[in-house]
Amino acid sequence: MKRTLVVIALCLFVGFTAIGCGQKAVSGTAAIDNAKNMETVQEKATYLMSQAEAFYKSDDFQSAVEIAQYVLAQVDSKNADAKDLLTKAKAALTDQAKQALDKVSTNVGM
């Protein structure tokens, strides 16, 4: 009986952990905090890069930048995926800023 309860508890824990890993964190900071509880560099890098990609795909480029910079500074300084995503996210932020400036310029010129 006791063994059965342990197995059930373990299955629930693994299930909830797997579900949680598949969801985007509420912020870049939350994703980084979640990763701090992971044991290996590979786990941290994989989780954080999946989070950074999710933020990038949802147009939250600042969170993508925050996470990619953290990966490079604190987890794996040679992570090619983090370097690539950082470049893409910074370019997207620059484009957003240019579009906002153009919009303001157009509205002021009316």
Protein backbone atom coordinates (compact mmCIF):
# COMPACT_ATOMS: atom_id res chain seq x y z
CA MET A 1 0.00 0.00 0.00
CA LYS A 2 2.75 2.42 0.99
CA ARG A 3 4.71 1.59 -2.16
CA THR A 4 1.63 2.20 -4.32
CA LEU A 5 1.18 5.66 -2.81
CA VAL A 6 4.83 6.50 -3.46
CA VAL A 7 4.50 5.40 -7.10
CA ILE A 8 1.30 7.43 -7.54
CA ALA A 9 2.91 10.50 -5.98
CA LEU A 10 5.97 10.12 -8.19
CA CYS A 11 3.82 9.78 -11.31
CA LEU A 12 1.84 12.89 -10.40
CA PHE A 13 5.02 14.85 -9.76
CA VAL A 14 6.56 13.81 -13.07
CA GLY A 15 3.31 14.55 -14.90
CA PHE A 16 2.92 18.02 -13.42
CA THR A 17 6.57 18.80 -14.05
CA ALA A 18 6.29 17.78 -17.70
CA ILE A 19 3.16 19.86 -18.16
CA GLY A 20 4.78 22.87 -16.50
CA CYS A 21 7.85 22.65 -18.73
CA GLY A 22 5.69 22.85 -21.83
CA GLN A 23 4.10 26.13 -20.85
CA LYS A 24 5.51 29.60 -21.26
CA ALA A 25 6.43 31.29 -17.99
CA VAL A 26 4.66 34.53 -17.12
CA SER A 27 7.87 36.53 -17.60
CA GLY A 28 11.51 36.20 -18.47
CA THR A 29 12.39 36.62 -14.82
CA ALA A 30 10.00 33.82 -13.84
CA ALA A 31 11.58 31.51 -16.43
CA ILE A 32 15.04 32.29 -15.06
CA ASP A 33 13.84 31.64 -11.51
CA ASN A 34 12.38 28.28 -12.61
CA ALA A 35 15.67 27.31 -14.23
CA LYS A 36 17.63 27.99 -11.06
CA ASN A 37 15.96 24.93 -9.52
CA MET A 38 17.18 22.64 -12.30
CA GLU A 39 20.21 20.50 -11.70
CA THR A 40 22.26 20.37 -14.89
CA VAL A 41 23.53 23.01 -17.26
CA GLN A 42 21.86 21.15 -20.13
CA GLU A 43 18.46 21.15 -18.39
CA LYS A 44 18.75 24.86 -17.66
CA ALA A 45 19.88 25.78 -21.17
CA THR A 46 17.22 23.65 -22.87
CA TYR A 47 14.41 24.97 -20.68
CA LEU A 48 15.52 28.60 -20.92
CA MET A 49 15.96 28.51 -24.68
CA SER A 50 12.52 26.97 -25.13
CA GLN A 51 11.14 29.80 -22.99
CA ALA A 52 13.10 32.43 -24.92
CA GLU A 53 11.74 31.03 -28.21
CA ALA A 54 8.20 31.09 -26.84
CA PHE A 55 8.58 34.74 -25.84
CA TYR A 56 10.11 35.57 -29.21
CA LYS A 57 7.25 33.88 -31.08
CA SER A 58 4.71 35.83 -29.00
CA ASP A 59 6.50 39.10 -29.89
CA ASP A 60 7.79 39.61 -26.35
CA PHE A 61 11.26 40.37 -27.65
CA GLN A 62 12.49 42.00 -24.43
CA SER A 63 11.87 38.81 -22.42
CA ALA A 64 13.59 36.78 -25.15
CA VAL A 65 16.61 39.09 -24.91
CA GLU A 66 16.61 38.88 -21.10
CA ILE A 67 16.64 35.08 -21.13
CA ALA A 68 19.20 34.71 -23.92
CA GLN A 69 21.53 37.13 -22.14
CA TYR A 70 21.12 35.17 -18.91
CA VAL A 71 21.93 31.89 -20.68
CA LEU A 72 25.10 33.39 -22.11
CA ALA A 73 26.17 35.10 -18.88
CA GLN A 74 25.21 32.49 -16.29
CA VAL A 75 24.56 29.10 -17.90
CA ASP A 76 26.53 28.48 -21.11
CA SER A 77 28.62 31.27 -22.59
CA LYS A 78 29.08 29.35 -25.86
CA ASN A 79 25.42 28.51 -26.48
CA ALA A 80 24.95 29.13 -30.21
CA ASP A 81 21.15 29.09 -29.98
CA ALA A 82 21.23 31.82 -27.33
CA LYS A 83 23.58 33.93 -29.47
CA ASP A 84 21.36 33.53 -32.54
CA LEU A 85 18.14 34.28 -30.68
CA LEU A 86 19.72 37.28 -28.97
CA THR A 87 20.66 38.72 -32.36
CA LYS A 88 17.17 38.09 -33.79
CA ALA A 89 15.37 39.48 -30.72
CA LYS A 90 17.50 42.63 -30.62
CA ALA A 91 16.84 43.21 -34.32
CA ALA A 92 13.11 42.74 -33.72
CA LEU A 93 13.22 45.26 -30.85
CA THR A 94 14.99 47.74 -33.13
CA ASP A 95 12.34 47.23 -35.81
CA GLN A 96 9.57 47.75 -33.24
CA ALA A 97 11.18 50.99 -32.10
CA LYS A 98 11.52 52.22 -35.69
CA GLN A 99 7.88 51.41 -36.41
CA ALA A 100 6.76 53.24 -33.28
CA LEU A 101 8.87 56.26 -34.23
CA ASP A 102 7.46 56.25 -37.77
CA LYS A 103 3.94 56.08 -36.37
CA VAL A 104 4.57 59.02 -34.05
CA SER A 105 6.19 60.99 -36.87
CA THR A 106 3.22 60.30 -39.14
CA ASN A 107 0.71 61.32 -36.45
CA VAL A 108 2.59 64.52 -35.61
CA GLY A 109 2.79 65.43 -39.28
CA MET A 110 -1.00 65.23 -39.67
